[in-house]
Protein backbone atom coordinates (compact mmCIF):
# COMPACT_ATOMS: atom_id res chain seq x y z
CA MET A 1 140.38 190.74 84.80
CA PRO A 2 137.78 191.23 82.05
CA ALA A 3 135.30 188.44 81.48
CA LEU A 4 135.96 186.24 78.47
CA SER A 5 133.29 184.85 76.21
CA PHE A 6 133.47 182.47 73.27
CA LYS A 7 131.08 181.86 70.42
CA PHE A 8 131.49 178.93 68.09
CA GLY A 9 129.75 179.05 64.75
CA GLN A 10 128.06 176.02 63.25
CA VAL A 11 129.98 175.25 60.08
CA LYS A 12 129.03 172.16 58.13
CA LEU A 13 131.86 170.21 56.57
CA GLY A 14 131.38 169.01 53.04
CA GLY A 15 131.41 165.34 52.15
CA HIS A 16 130.63 162.22 54.11
CA GLU A 17 132.95 160.92 56.79
CA ALA A 18 133.32 157.47 55.25
CA GLU A 19 133.89 158.95 51.80
CA TYR A 20 136.53 161.28 53.20
CA ARG A 21 138.42 158.46 54.88
CA THR A 22 138.38 156.39 51.73
CA ALA A 23 139.51 159.29 49.55
CA ALA A 24 142.23 160.35 51.98
CA THR A 25 143.80 156.89 52.31
CA ASP A 26 142.69 155.39 49.00
CA GLY A 27 141.79 152.29 50.98
CA ALA A 28 145.45 151.53 51.69
CA VAL A 29 145.39 152.15 55.47
CA ARG A 30 143.84 149.53 57.75
CA SER A 31 144.37 148.99 61.44
CA VAL A 32 145.94 145.74 62.64
CA GLN A 33 143.39 143.31 64.01
CA GLU A 34 143.47 140.08 65.96
CA ASP A 35 142.85 138.01 62.82
CA ASP A 36 146.08 139.36 61.34
CA PHE A 37 148.03 137.74 64.18
CA ALA A 38 146.09 134.50 63.68
CA ASN A 39 146.97 134.47 59.99
CA ALA A 40 150.63 134.91 60.96
CA GLY A 41 150.47 131.90 63.28
CA LEU A 42 150.06 133.78 66.60
CA THR A 43 146.74 133.13 68.31
CA PHE A 44 145.33 134.25 71.65
CA SER A 45 144.13 131.66 74.14
CA SER A 46 140.66 133.23 74.12
CA ARG A 47 140.18 132.04 70.53
CA GLU A 48 140.00 128.47 71.83
CA ARG A 49 136.65 129.16 73.45
CA PRO A 50 133.41 128.51 71.55
CA ASP A 51 131.60 131.52 70.06
CA LYS A 52 128.73 131.18 72.53
CA TYR A 53 131.15 131.99 75.38
CA MET A 54 132.81 134.95 73.63
CA PHE A 55 131.90 138.64 73.51
CA SER A 56 131.19 140.14 70.10
CA ARG A 57 134.26 140.99 68.03
CA MET A 58 134.24 144.71 68.91
CA GLY A 59 136.12 145.95 65.86
CA GLY A 60 138.60 143.11 65.60
CA TRP A 61 140.00 142.83 69.15
CA ASN A 62 138.35 140.63 71.76
CA VAL A 63 137.18 142.09 75.04
CA SER A 64 139.65 140.06 77.12
CA PHE A 65 142.63 141.58 75.33
CA ARG A 66 141.22 145.13 75.32
CA SER A 67 140.57 145.06 79.06
CA SER A 68 143.90 143.40 79.93
CA VAL A 69 145.84 146.37 78.50
CA ILE A 70 144.03 148.76 80.84
CA ARG A 71 144.37 146.32 83.74
CA ILE A 72 148.16 146.33 83.37
CA ALA A 73 148.23 150.15 83.28
CA PHE A 74 145.95 150.35 86.34
CA MET A 75 148.07 147.95 88.39
CA LYS A 76 151.25 149.81 87.46
CA LEU A 77 149.74 153.16 88.51
CA LEU A 78 148.38 151.67 91.74
CA GLY A 79 151.66 149.99 92.68
CA THR A 80 153.86 153.01 92.02
CA GLY A 81 151.32 155.27 93.75
CA ILE A 82 151.38 153.15 96.92
CA ALA A 83 155.20 153.06 96.85
CA ALA A 84 155.33 156.86 96.48
CA ALA A 85 152.83 157.31 99.32
CA PHE A 86 154.90 155.14 101.69
CA MET A 87 158.03 157.09 100.75
CA ALA A 88 156.21 160.36 101.43
CA ILE A 89 155.30 159.36 105.01
CA ASN A 90 158.61 157.69 105.80
CA GLN A 91 160.35 159.50 108.66
CA HIS A 92 163.74 159.03 107.00
CA THR A 93 162.64 160.77 103.78
CA GLY A 94 163.66 164.41 103.41
CA ARG A 95 161.19 167.26 103.26
CA TYR A 96 161.51 167.93 99.55
CA THR A 97 161.59 164.27 98.58
CA SER A 98 158.46 163.70 100.68
CA PHE A 99 156.71 166.52 98.86
CA SER A 100 157.65 165.08 95.46
CA CYS A 101 156.52 161.61 96.47
CA ALA A 102 153.23 162.95 97.85
CA MET A 103 152.56 164.77 94.57
CA ALA A 104 153.40 161.60 92.60
CA ALA A 105 151.07 159.54 94.80
CA ALA A 106 148.24 162.06 94.35
CA VAL A 107 148.66 162.05 90.57
CA ASN A 108 148.72 158.24 90.45
CA PHE A 109 145.67 157.80 92.67
CA ILE A 110 143.68 160.27 90.54
CA ALA A 111 144.73 158.32 87.46
CA CYS A 112 143.73 155.06 89.17
CA ALA A 113 140.23 156.39 89.88
CA HIS A 114 139.78 157.18 86.18
CA TYR A 115 141.47 154.05 84.85
CA TRP A 116 139.24 151.93 87.10
CA ARG A 117 136.26 153.31 85.19
CA ILE A 118 138.03 152.88 81.84
CA TRP A 119 138.79 149.29 82.82
CA SER A 120 135.09 148.67 83.49
CA VAL A 121 134.24 150.11 80.06
CA ARG A 122 136.77 147.86 78.35
CA GLN A 123 135.52 144.72 80.14
CA GLN A 124 131.87 145.65 79.38
CA THR A 125 130.74 146.12 83.00
CA PHE A 126 130.41 149.92 83.04
CA GLY A 127 127.47 151.63 84.69
CA GLY A 128 125.21 148.72 85.61
CA ARG A 129 121.79 148.16 84.03
CA LYS A 130 121.46 151.73 82.79
CA TYR A 131 124.34 151.28 80.37
CA GLU A 132 123.73 147.65 79.41
CA PRO A 133 122.45 148.63 75.92
CA PHE A 134 125.91 150.11 75.25
CA MET A 135 127.88 147.08 76.42
CA SER A 136 128.80 144.03 74.36
CA GLU A 137 127.02 140.77 75.17
CA VAL A 138 128.37 137.22 75.41
CA GLY A 139 127.64 135.10 72.36
CA ARG A 140 129.25 136.21 69.10
CA ALA A 141 127.95 135.49 65.64
CA PRO A 142 129.55 132.56 63.83
CA VAL A 143 131.67 133.39 60.79
CA GLU A 144 129.55 131.10 58.61
CA ASP A 145 126.37 133.16 59.17
CA LYS A 146 127.07 136.26 57.04
CA ALA A 147 123.78 138.01 57.82
CA LEU A 148 124.14 137.59 61.58
CA LEU A 149 127.81 138.58 61.37
CA LYS A 150 126.96 141.80 59.52
CA ALA A 151 124.28 142.69 62.08
CA GLU A 152 126.80 142.11 64.88
CA GLU A 153 129.38 144.35 63.19
CA GLU A 154 126.84 147.16 62.76
CA ASN A 155 125.85 146.90 66.43
CA ASP A 156 129.51 146.81 67.48
CA GLU A 157 130.12 150.09 65.64
CA ARG A 158 127.43 151.73 67.77
CA LEU A 159 128.84 150.23 70.98
CA ILE A 160 132.42 151.22 70.15
CA TYR A 161 131.34 154.79 69.36
CA PHE A 162 129.67 155.19 72.77
CA GLN A 163 132.48 153.48 74.66
CA GLU A 164 135.24 155.52 73.01
CA LEU A 165 133.39 158.75 73.83
CA THR A 166 133.12 157.60 77.45
CA VAL A 167 136.81 156.68 77.62
CA ASP A 168 137.85 159.97 76.01
CA GLY A 169 135.79 161.87 78.59
CA LEU A 170 137.41 159.99 81.46
CA ARG A 171 140.90 160.60 80.06
CA HIS A 172 140.14 164.29 79.60
CA SER A 173 138.94 164.53 83.20
CA ASP A 174 142.07 162.72 84.37
CA CYS A 175 144.35 165.08 82.43
CA THR A 176 142.46 168.16 83.63
CA GLN A 177 142.83 167.23 87.31
CA HIS A 178 146.53 166.48 86.86
CA THR A 179 146.98 169.91 85.28
CA LEU A 180 145.20 171.59 88.18
CA ILE A 181 147.41 169.82 90.72
CA HIS A 182 150.59 170.92 88.95
CA THR A 183 149.43 174.55 88.72
CA LEU A 184 148.40 174.95 92.36
CA PRO A 185 150.27 177.82 94.12
CA LEU A 186 152.04 175.57 96.59
CA PRO A 187 154.74 177.50 98.50
CA LEU A 188 156.84 174.41 99.13
CA ALA A 189 157.15 173.72 95.42
CA HIS A 190 158.77 177.12 94.80
CA THR A 191 160.83 177.42 97.98
CA PRO A 192 164.56 176.79 97.42
CA PRO A 193 166.23 174.29 99.76
CA PRO A 194 168.15 175.67 102.74
CA PRO A 195 171.88 176.43 102.27
CA ALA A 196 172.92 173.28 104.11
CA ARG A 197 171.11 171.16 101.52
CA ARG A 198 172.01 173.12 98.40
CA ALA A 199 175.47 171.54 98.36
CA LEU A 200 173.87 168.11 98.71
CA HIS A 201 171.45 168.75 95.84
CA SER A 202 174.23 170.08 93.64
CA ARG A 203 176.31 166.92 93.90
């Protein structure tokens, strides 16, 4: 097979990113934030805590809520992965069902390894001291102090940019490993069931 090579040219896009977003949406598109729920009468329990015990606003959604979404996904993947693993080693499970369950368990455990890291990013505990400058700190700016609030928002933009790049990298790694597992030349995956079981599978 001939070797493949790629060369990407450096093409500069015209315009500024913020200007492009404003021109493309005409300022009409805005993501839903936590304050929108508060204005509608639905508040999160975390809003009852004083500002000195809260993380910075991080783009409009508090850290507790952002990390809880990933925590739910992690627990679901872990639980179904353990269930699939037990089914795979059960002596009463058929050969082909065991193989499917083993593959499902492998996929889930790989996802758990990545979502564990994503969870740590979302709850601002990723990487230890080396990454502390890129994690939000406890003690948010009060709404009354406009100057301090603006400085917090500018710092949050920098933090969110780094954290989203980290999360995207972890998700890409997770997807890549899943793809490799599903493309492995495993003989069992392509072997038809024996004649005695074909009738059972066709029912």
